[in-house]
Amino acid sequence: MSRTYHHGKDRRIRVRGVKRRPTDLRRLARALIELEYQAAQDQADAEAEHRARSGAKGRKPKGGQA
């Protein structure tokens, strides 16, 4: 909110900030952890899918069995 007061030639402008509640750091931390967990899960799924595709293309099994 701002108001302008006119007193002759002088102008005074008063600006008041909007009151906001402080940031909930615990909630923010939980959200960031959840995002990182989801990103790690997506990466692990993508790597597993890549391994499954490349492993199915004629690789011989380990252990000397034919």
Protein backbone atom coordinates (compact mmCIF):
# COMPACT_ATOMS: atom_id res chain seq x y z
CA MET A 1 0.00 0.00 0.00
CA SER A 2 1.35 3.43 -0.78
CA ARG A 3 0.01 6.90 -0.19
CA THR A 4 1.13 10.23 -1.52
CA TYR A 5 0.80 13.30 0.63
CA HIS A 6 0.88 16.70 -1.04
CA HIS A 7 1.98 19.51 1.23
CA GLY A 8 2.84 22.44 -0.94
CA LYS A 9 5.79 21.64 -3.20
CA ASP A 10 7.12 18.78 -1.08
CA ARG A 11 5.94 15.28 -1.77
CA ARG A 12 6.20 12.51 0.77
CA ILE A 13 5.60 8.96 -0.30
CA ARG A 14 5.00 6.32 2.32
CA VAL A 15 5.31 2.65 1.35
CA ARG A 16 4.27 -0.13 3.67
CA GLY A 17 5.23 -3.72 3.12
CA VAL A 18 2.73 -6.52 2.99
CA LYS A 19 2.87 -8.68 6.10
CA ARG A 20 3.63 -12.27 5.25
CA ARG A 21 4.02 -15.28 7.43
CA PRO A 22 7.53 -16.73 7.66
CA THR A 23 8.56 -19.58 5.36
CA ASP A 24 7.84 -23.05 6.71
CA LEU A 25 11.32 -24.54 6.34
CA ARG A 26 10.31 -28.04 7.36
CA ARG A 27 7.64 -28.16 4.68
CA LEU A 28 10.07 -26.79 2.10
CA ALA A 29 12.71 -29.36 3.10
CA ARG A 30 10.21 -32.21 2.79
CA ALA A 31 9.19 -31.03 -0.67
CA LEU A 32 12.83 -30.82 -1.82
CA ILE A 33 13.58 -34.29 -0.46
CA GLU A 34 10.54 -35.68 -2.25
CA LEU A 35 11.65 -34.08 -5.53
CA GLU A 36 15.16 -35.53 -5.21
CA TYR A 37 13.78 -38.95 -4.30
CA GLN A 38 11.50 -38.91 -7.36
CA ALA A 39 14.39 -37.81 -9.62
CA ALA A 40 16.59 -40.61 -8.28
CA GLN A 41 13.79 -43.14 -8.77
CA ASP A 42 13.23 -41.98 -12.36
CA GLN A 43 16.96 -42.24 -13.07
CA ALA A 44 17.14 -45.74 -11.59
CA ASP A 45 14.14 -46.82 -13.67
CA ALA A 46 15.71 -45.41 -16.84
CA GLU A 47 19.01 -47.19 -16.13
CA ALA A 48 17.21 -50.48 -15.46
CA GLU A 49 15.28 -50.14 -18.70
CA HIS A 50 18.50 -49.36 -20.60
CA ARG A 51 20.20 -52.42 -19.09
CA ALA A 52 17.23 -54.61 -19.95
CA ARG A 53 17.26 -53.45 -23.58
CA SER A 54 21.02 -53.78 -24.03
CA GLY A 55 21.17 -57.08 -22.12
CA ALA A 56 18.55 -58.73 -24.32
CA LYS A 57 20.55 -58.12 -27.54
CA GLY A 58 22.49 -61.36 -27.78
CA ARG A 59 24.73 -61.19 -24.73
CA LYS A 60 25.97 -64.48 -23.41
CA PRO A 61 25.12 -65.26 -19.79
CA LYS A 62 27.97 -65.13 -17.29
CA GLY A 63 29.23 -68.26 -15.59
CA GLY A 64 30.29 -70.29 -18.60
CA GLN A 65 26.85 -71.70 -19.38
CA ALA A 66 25.82 -71.74 -23.01
